[in-house]
Amino acid sequence: MADGNGGGPLHADYKIWLAKNGGVFGEGLFQLLTRVAALGSIAQAAREMDMSYRAAWGKIRSAEERWGLSLIVTQVGGEMGGGAKLTPTAAELLARYRRLRETVDRFVTHSFTEVFRDWPDG
């Protein structure tokens, strides 16, 4: 995917997101949900991304409301402690978004190579 580095040789850069009802699903929410899935915790996922729990939970809730679907199932306290996991719908959304990113990345890389093949420093 686009690396966003400003230096180095000429390259194509892009951002991709899904939009519905004014809500967007892009790289930030993708990374957050991926970390929640791996860590089983919204708080730990937020910490890894240098964001507050409140901001992370707000992003998730906003996406759920605007998209009309449930992304996270939480469990409070108990013997094993609390936690969070993705709903099957969220897991499928992550998988499809990942596939879309990979497809777009291959297309952009191929297109850039074709268009700028003979460009100096290209």
N, C-alpha and C. Protein backbone atom coordinates (compact mmCIF):
# COMPACT_ATOMS: atom_id res chain seq x y z
N MET A 1 0.83 -1.18 0.00
CA MET A 1 0.00 0.00 0.00
C MET A 1 0.87 1.23 0.00
N ALA A 2 0.30 2.38 -0.26
CA ALA A 2 1.04 3.62 -0.30
C ALA A 2 1.77 3.84 1.01
N ASP A 3 3.03 4.25 0.90
CA ASP A 3 3.81 4.37 2.12
C ASP A 3 3.85 5.78 2.67
N GLY A 4 3.46 6.76 1.87
CA GLY A 4 3.35 8.12 2.39
C GLY A 4 4.68 8.80 2.66
N ASN A 5 5.81 8.16 2.31
CA ASN A 5 7.08 8.85 2.57
C ASN A 5 7.28 9.94 1.55
N GLY A 6 7.72 11.07 1.99
CA GLY A 6 7.88 12.22 1.10
C GLY A 6 9.19 12.20 0.35
N GLY A 7 10.17 11.42 0.81
CA GLY A 7 11.47 11.40 0.17
C GLY A 7 11.60 10.23 -0.77
N GLY A 8 12.79 10.07 -1.29
CA GLY A 8 13.07 8.94 -2.16
C GLY A 8 12.65 9.20 -3.58
N PRO A 9 12.67 8.14 -4.38
CA PRO A 9 12.34 8.30 -5.80
C PRO A 9 10.86 8.60 -6.01
N LEU A 10 10.57 9.02 -7.21
CA LEU A 10 9.19 9.30 -7.60
C LEU A 10 8.35 8.04 -7.44
N HIS A 11 7.20 8.18 -6.84
CA HIS A 11 6.30 7.06 -6.65
C HIS A 11 4.86 7.58 -6.58
N ALA A 12 3.92 6.68 -6.78
CA ALA A 12 2.50 7.03 -6.66
C ALA A 12 2.09 6.82 -5.21
N ASP A 13 1.28 7.71 -4.70
CA ASP A 13 0.79 7.63 -3.33
C ASP A 13 -0.72 7.81 -3.37
N TYR A 14 -1.42 7.20 -2.46
CA TYR A 14 -2.88 7.28 -2.46
C TYR A 14 -3.42 6.92 -1.10
N LYS A 15 -4.69 7.22 -0.89
CA LYS A 15 -5.44 6.79 0.28
C LYS A 15 -6.73 6.17 -0.22
N ILE A 16 -7.20 5.19 0.50
CA ILE A 16 -8.45 4.55 0.12
C ILE A 16 -9.32 4.39 1.36
N TRP A 17 -10.60 4.63 1.22
CA TRP A 17 -11.53 4.42 2.32
C TRP A 17 -12.89 4.07 1.75
N LEU A 18 -13.71 3.50 2.60
CA LEU A 18 -15.09 3.19 2.26
C LEU A 18 -15.96 4.25 2.94
N ALA A 19 -16.99 4.69 2.26
CA ALA A 19 -17.87 5.72 2.82
C ALA A 19 -19.32 5.26 2.76
N LYS A 20 -20.04 5.53 3.86
CA LYS A 20 -21.47 5.21 3.92
C LYS A 20 -22.12 6.11 4.96
N ASN A 21 -23.19 6.78 4.58
CA ASN A 21 -23.95 7.64 5.50
C ASN A 21 -23.08 8.64 6.24
N GLY A 22 -22.08 9.17 5.57
CA GLY A 22 -21.20 10.16 6.19
C GLY A 22 -20.11 9.55 7.06
N GLY A 23 -20.10 8.25 7.20
CA GLY A 23 -19.07 7.58 7.99
C GLY A 23 -18.05 6.95 7.06
N VAL A 24 -16.80 6.98 7.48
CA VAL A 24 -15.75 6.41 6.64
C VAL A 24 -15.05 5.27 7.37
N PHE A 25 -14.62 4.31 6.59
CA PHE A 25 -13.82 3.20 7.09
C PHE A 25 -12.53 3.26 6.28
N GLY A 26 -11.46 3.68 6.96
CA GLY A 26 -10.18 3.81 6.29
C GLY A 26 -9.09 3.14 7.11
N GLU A 27 -7.88 3.54 6.83
CA GLU A 27 -6.72 2.91 7.44
C GLU A 27 -6.73 3.00 8.96
N GLY A 28 -7.16 4.13 9.53
CA GLY A 28 -7.17 4.28 10.98
C GLY A 28 -8.09 3.29 11.67
N LEU A 29 -9.32 3.20 11.21
CA LEU A 29 -10.27 2.27 11.81
C LEU A 29 -9.86 0.82 11.51
N PHE A 30 -9.31 0.58 10.33
CA PHE A 30 -8.81 -0.75 10.00
C PHE A 30 -7.73 -1.17 11.00
N GLN A 31 -6.77 -0.29 11.26
CA GLN A 31 -5.69 -0.62 12.19
C GLN A 31 -6.23 -0.81 13.61
N LEU A 32 -7.15 0.03 14.01
CA LEU A 32 -7.74 -0.08 15.34
C LEU A 32 -8.45 -1.43 15.52
N LEU A 33 -9.29 -1.78 14.59
CA LEU A 33 -10.03 -3.04 14.70
C LEU A 33 -9.10 -4.25 14.58
N THR A 34 -8.08 -4.14 13.76
CA THR A 34 -7.10 -5.23 13.65
C THR A 34 -6.40 -5.45 14.98
N ARG A 35 -6.07 -4.36 15.66
CA ARG A 35 -5.42 -4.49 16.97
C ARG A 35 -6.39 -5.02 18.04
N VAL A 36 -7.63 -4.58 17.99
CA VAL A 36 -8.62 -5.10 18.93
C VAL A 36 -8.73 -6.62 18.75
N ALA A 37 -8.78 -7.06 17.51
CA ALA A 37 -8.88 -8.50 17.23
C ALA A 37 -7.67 -9.25 17.79
N ALA A 38 -6.50 -8.68 17.63
CA ALA A 38 -5.27 -9.35 18.07
C ALA A 38 -5.09 -9.31 19.58
N LEU A 39 -5.49 -8.20 20.21
CA LEU A 39 -5.22 -7.99 21.63
C LEU A 39 -6.41 -8.31 22.54
N GLY A 40 -7.61 -8.32 21.97
CA GLY A 40 -8.80 -8.58 22.77
C GLY A 40 -9.17 -7.43 23.69
N SER A 41 -8.72 -6.23 23.34
CA SER A 41 -8.94 -5.07 24.21
C SER A 41 -8.92 -3.78 23.41
N ILE A 42 -9.96 -2.98 23.60
CA ILE A 42 -9.99 -1.66 22.97
C ILE A 42 -8.94 -0.77 23.61
N ALA A 43 -8.80 -0.84 24.93
CA ALA A 43 -7.82 0.00 25.64
C ALA A 43 -6.40 -0.29 25.18
N GLN A 44 -6.05 -1.56 25.06
CA GLN A 44 -4.69 -1.90 24.62
C GLN A 44 -4.47 -1.49 23.17
N ALA A 45 -5.48 -1.69 22.33
CA ALA A 45 -5.38 -1.29 20.93
C ALA A 45 -5.17 0.22 20.83
N ALA A 46 -5.93 0.97 21.61
CA ALA A 46 -5.81 2.43 21.61
C ALA A 46 -4.40 2.85 22.07
N ARG A 47 -3.91 2.22 23.13
CA ARG A 47 -2.56 2.53 23.62
C ARG A 47 -1.51 2.32 22.55
N GLU A 48 -1.61 1.21 21.84
CA GLU A 48 -0.66 0.91 20.77
C GLU A 48 -0.69 1.96 19.66
N MET A 49 -1.83 2.60 19.51
CA MET A 49 -1.97 3.60 18.45
C MET A 49 -1.81 5.03 18.98
N ASP A 50 -1.38 5.15 20.23
CA ASP A 50 -1.21 6.47 20.86
C ASP A 50 -2.49 7.29 20.81
N MET A 51 -3.60 6.66 21.14
CA MET A 51 -4.87 7.39 21.23
C MET A 51 -5.55 7.01 22.54
N SER A 52 -6.45 7.84 22.95
CA SER A 52 -7.16 7.54 24.19
C SER A 52 -8.21 6.46 23.96
N TYR A 53 -8.58 5.79 25.03
CA TYR A 53 -9.64 4.79 24.97
C TYR A 53 -10.92 5.46 24.47
N ARG A 54 -11.19 6.65 25.00
CA ARG A 54 -12.40 7.38 24.62
C ARG A 54 -12.44 7.67 23.12
N ALA A 55 -11.30 8.09 22.56
CA ALA A 55 -11.24 8.37 21.12
C ALA A 55 -11.44 7.09 20.31
N ALA A 56 -10.81 6.01 20.75
CA ALA A 56 -10.94 4.73 20.03
C ALA A 56 -12.39 4.25 20.06
N TRP A 57 -12.98 4.25 21.24
CA TRP A 57 -14.36 3.79 21.39
C TRP A 57 -15.29 4.70 20.60
N GLY A 58 -15.00 6.00 20.56
CA GLY A 58 -15.81 6.94 19.79
C GLY A 58 -15.77 6.65 18.30
N LYS A 59 -14.59 6.31 17.79
CA LYS A 59 -14.47 5.97 16.36
C LYS A 59 -15.28 4.72 16.04
N ILE A 60 -15.19 3.74 16.92
CA ILE A 60 -15.91 2.48 16.69
C ILE A 60 -17.42 2.73 16.75
N ARG A 61 -17.88 3.43 17.77
CA ARG A 61 -19.33 3.70 17.90
C ARG A 61 -19.86 4.51 16.74
N SER A 62 -19.10 5.51 16.32
CA SER A 62 -19.52 6.35 15.20
C SER A 62 -19.69 5.51 13.93
N ALA A 63 -18.73 4.64 13.67
CA ALA A 63 -18.82 3.77 12.49
C ALA A 63 -20.02 2.84 12.61
N GLU A 64 -20.25 2.28 13.79
CA GLU A 64 -21.39 1.39 14.00
C GLU A 64 -22.70 2.11 13.74
N GLU A 65 -22.83 3.32 14.26
CA GLU A 65 -24.07 4.08 14.09
C GLU A 65 -24.30 4.46 12.64
N ARG A 66 -23.28 4.98 11.99
CA ARG A 66 -23.44 5.45 10.61
C ARG A 66 -23.62 4.31 9.62
N TRP A 67 -22.99 3.18 9.90
CA TRP A 67 -23.07 2.04 9.00
C TRP A 67 -24.19 1.09 9.37
N GLY A 68 -24.78 1.28 10.55
CA GLY A 68 -25.90 0.43 10.95
C GLY A 68 -25.51 -1.02 11.18
N LEU A 69 -24.33 -1.22 11.75
CA LEU A 69 -23.91 -2.58 12.06
C LEU A 69 -23.05 -2.60 13.31
N SER A 70 -22.94 -3.77 13.89
CA SER A 70 -22.17 -3.94 15.10
C SER A 70 -20.78 -4.43 14.74
N LEU A 71 -19.74 -3.76 15.29
CA LEU A 71 -18.36 -4.13 14.98
C LEU A 71 -17.66 -4.84 16.14
N ILE A 72 -18.05 -4.50 17.37
CA ILE A 72 -17.35 -4.99 18.55
C ILE A 72 -18.35 -5.58 19.55
N VAL A 73 -17.94 -6.66 20.19
CA VAL A 73 -18.69 -7.22 21.31
C VAL A 73 -17.77 -7.09 22.52
N THR A 74 -18.29 -6.47 23.58
CA THR A 74 -17.47 -6.28 24.78
C THR A 74 -17.99 -7.14 25.92
N GLN A 75 -17.08 -7.45 26.83
CA GLN A 75 -17.42 -8.18 28.04
C GLN A 75 -16.80 -7.42 29.20
N VAL A 76 -17.60 -7.12 30.19
CA VAL A 76 -17.14 -6.35 31.34
C VAL A 76 -16.78 -7.29 32.48
N GLY A 77 -15.61 -7.06 33.07
CA GLY A 77 -15.19 -7.78 34.29
C GLY A 77 -15.29 -9.28 34.20
N GLY A 78 -15.68 -9.88 35.30
CA GLY A 78 -15.80 -11.33 35.37
C GLY A 78 -14.49 -11.97 35.79
N GLU A 79 -14.52 -13.28 35.90
CA GLU A 79 -13.35 -14.03 36.34
C GLU A 79 -12.14 -13.83 35.44
N MET A 80 -12.38 -13.81 34.14
CA MET A 80 -11.29 -13.66 33.17
C MET A 80 -11.01 -12.20 32.84
N GLY A 81 -11.71 -11.28 33.46
CA GLY A 81 -11.54 -9.87 33.14
C GLY A 81 -12.38 -9.49 31.94
N GLY A 82 -12.38 -8.20 31.63
CA GLY A 82 -13.17 -7.73 30.50
C GLY A 82 -12.41 -7.95 29.20
N GLY A 83 -13.02 -7.52 28.13
CA GLY A 83 -12.37 -7.67 26.85
C GLY A 83 -13.27 -7.25 25.72
N ALA A 84 -12.74 -7.34 24.53
CA ALA A 84 -13.50 -6.98 23.33
C ALA A 84 -13.08 -7.91 22.20
N LYS A 85 -14.03 -8.21 21.36
CA LYS A 85 -13.72 -8.99 20.17
C LYS A 85 -14.56 -8.49 19.02
N LEU A 86 -14.13 -8.79 17.82
CA LEU A 86 -14.85 -8.36 16.63
C LEU A 86 -16.08 -9.24 16.42
N THR A 87 -17.11 -8.63 15.90
CA THR A 87 -18.26 -9.40 15.45
C THR A 87 -17.86 -10.11 14.14
N PRO A 88 -18.59 -11.14 13.76
CA PRO A 88 -18.31 -11.77 12.46
C PRO A 88 -18.39 -10.77 11.30
N THR A 89 -19.31 -9.83 11.39
CA THR A 89 -19.44 -8.80 10.35
C THR A 89 -18.18 -7.95 10.28
N ALA A 90 -17.64 -7.55 11.43
CA ALA A 90 -16.42 -6.74 11.46
C ALA A 90 -15.24 -7.53 10.91
N ALA A 91 -15.14 -8.80 11.26
CA ALA A 91 -14.04 -9.64 10.74
C ALA A 91 -14.12 -9.73 9.22
N GLU A 92 -15.33 -9.86 8.70
CA GLU A 92 -15.52 -9.93 7.25
C GLU A 92 -15.18 -8.58 6.60
N LEU A 93 -15.58 -7.49 7.23
CA LEU A 93 -15.25 -6.16 6.72
C LEU A 93 -13.74 -5.96 6.65
N LEU A 94 -13.02 -6.36 7.69
CA LEU A 94 -11.56 -6.25 7.68
C LEU A 94 -10.95 -7.08 6.55
N ALA A 95 -11.43 -8.30 6.38
CA ALA A 95 -10.89 -9.17 5.33
C ALA A 95 -11.13 -8.57 3.94
N ARG A 96 -12.33 -8.05 3.72
CA ARG A 96 -12.64 -7.47 2.41
C ARG A 96 -11.88 -6.17 2.18
N TYR A 97 -11.74 -5.35 3.22
CA TYR A 97 -10.98 -4.10 3.08
C TYR A 97 -9.52 -4.42 2.77
N ARG A 98 -8.97 -5.42 3.44
CA ARG A 98 -7.59 -5.85 3.19
C ARG A 98 -7.43 -6.29 1.73
N ARG A 99 -8.39 -7.07 1.24
CA ARG A 99 -8.35 -7.51 -0.16
C ARG A 99 -8.44 -6.33 -1.12
N LEU A 100 -9.30 -5.37 -0.80
CA LEU A 100 -9.43 -4.18 -1.64
C LEU A 100 -8.11 -3.41 -1.67
N ARG A 101 -7.50 -3.21 -0.50
CA ARG A 101 -6.21 -2.50 -0.45
C ARG A 101 -5.17 -3.20 -1.31
N GLU A 102 -5.09 -4.52 -1.19
CA GLU A 102 -4.10 -5.28 -1.97
C GLU A 102 -4.36 -5.16 -3.46
N THR A 103 -5.62 -5.23 -3.85
CA THR A 103 -5.99 -5.11 -5.26
C THR A 103 -5.66 -3.73 -5.80
N VAL A 104 -6.03 -2.69 -5.06
CA VAL A 104 -5.75 -1.32 -5.48
C VAL A 104 -4.24 -1.07 -5.52
N ASP A 105 -3.52 -1.60 -4.55
CA ASP A 105 -2.07 -1.42 -4.52
C ASP A 105 -1.42 -2.03 -5.76
N ARG A 106 -1.84 -3.25 -6.12
CA ARG A 106 -1.29 -3.88 -7.34
C ARG A 106 -1.61 -3.04 -8.57
N PHE A 107 -2.85 -2.53 -8.64
CA PHE A 107 -3.26 -1.72 -9.78
C PHE A 107 -2.44 -0.43 -9.86
N VAL A 108 -2.31 0.27 -8.75
CA VAL A 108 -1.57 1.53 -8.73
C VAL A 108 -0.10 1.28 -9.09
N THR A 109 0.50 0.26 -8.50
CA THR A 109 1.90 -0.05 -8.79
C THR A 109 2.09 -0.37 -10.27
N HIS A 110 1.22 -1.20 -10.81
CA HIS A 110 1.31 -1.56 -12.23
C HIS A 110 1.10 -0.32 -13.11
N SER A 111 0.08 0.46 -12.81
CA SER A 111 -0.23 1.64 -13.61
C SER A 111 0.91 2.66 -13.55
N PHE A 112 1.45 2.87 -12.37
CA PHE A 112 2.56 3.81 -12.22
C PHE A 112 3.76 3.34 -13.06
N THR A 113 4.06 2.07 -12.98
CA THR A 113 5.19 1.52 -13.74
C THR A 113 4.98 1.71 -15.24
N GLU A 114 3.77 1.45 -15.71
CA GLU A 114 3.46 1.62 -17.13
C GLU A 114 3.55 3.08 -17.57
N VAL A 115 2.97 3.96 -16.81
CA VAL A 115 2.89 5.37 -17.20
C VAL A 115 4.23 6.08 -17.06
N PHE A 116 5.00 5.75 -16.02
CA PHE A 116 6.26 6.46 -15.76
C PHE A 116 7.51 5.62 -16.08
N ARG A 117 7.35 4.59 -16.89
CA ARG A 117 8.44 3.69 -17.23
C ARG A 117 9.68 4.45 -17.73
N ASP A 118 9.52 5.42 -18.59
CA ASP A 118 10.66 6.12 -19.16
C ASP A 118 10.89 7.50 -18.55
N TRP A 119 10.27 7.77 -17.43
CA TRP A 119 10.43 9.06 -16.75
C TRP A 119 11.77 9.08 -16.00
N PRO A 120 12.50 10.20 -16.09
CA PRO A 120 13.76 10.27 -15.35
C PRO A 120 13.51 10.09 -13.84
N ASP A 121 14.28 9.28 -13.21
CA ASP A 121 14.18 8.99 -11.78
C ASP A 121 12.85 8.33 -11.45
N GLY A 122 12.22 7.65 -12.40
CA GLY A 122 10.92 7.03 -12.17
C GLY A 122 10.95 5.59 -11.84
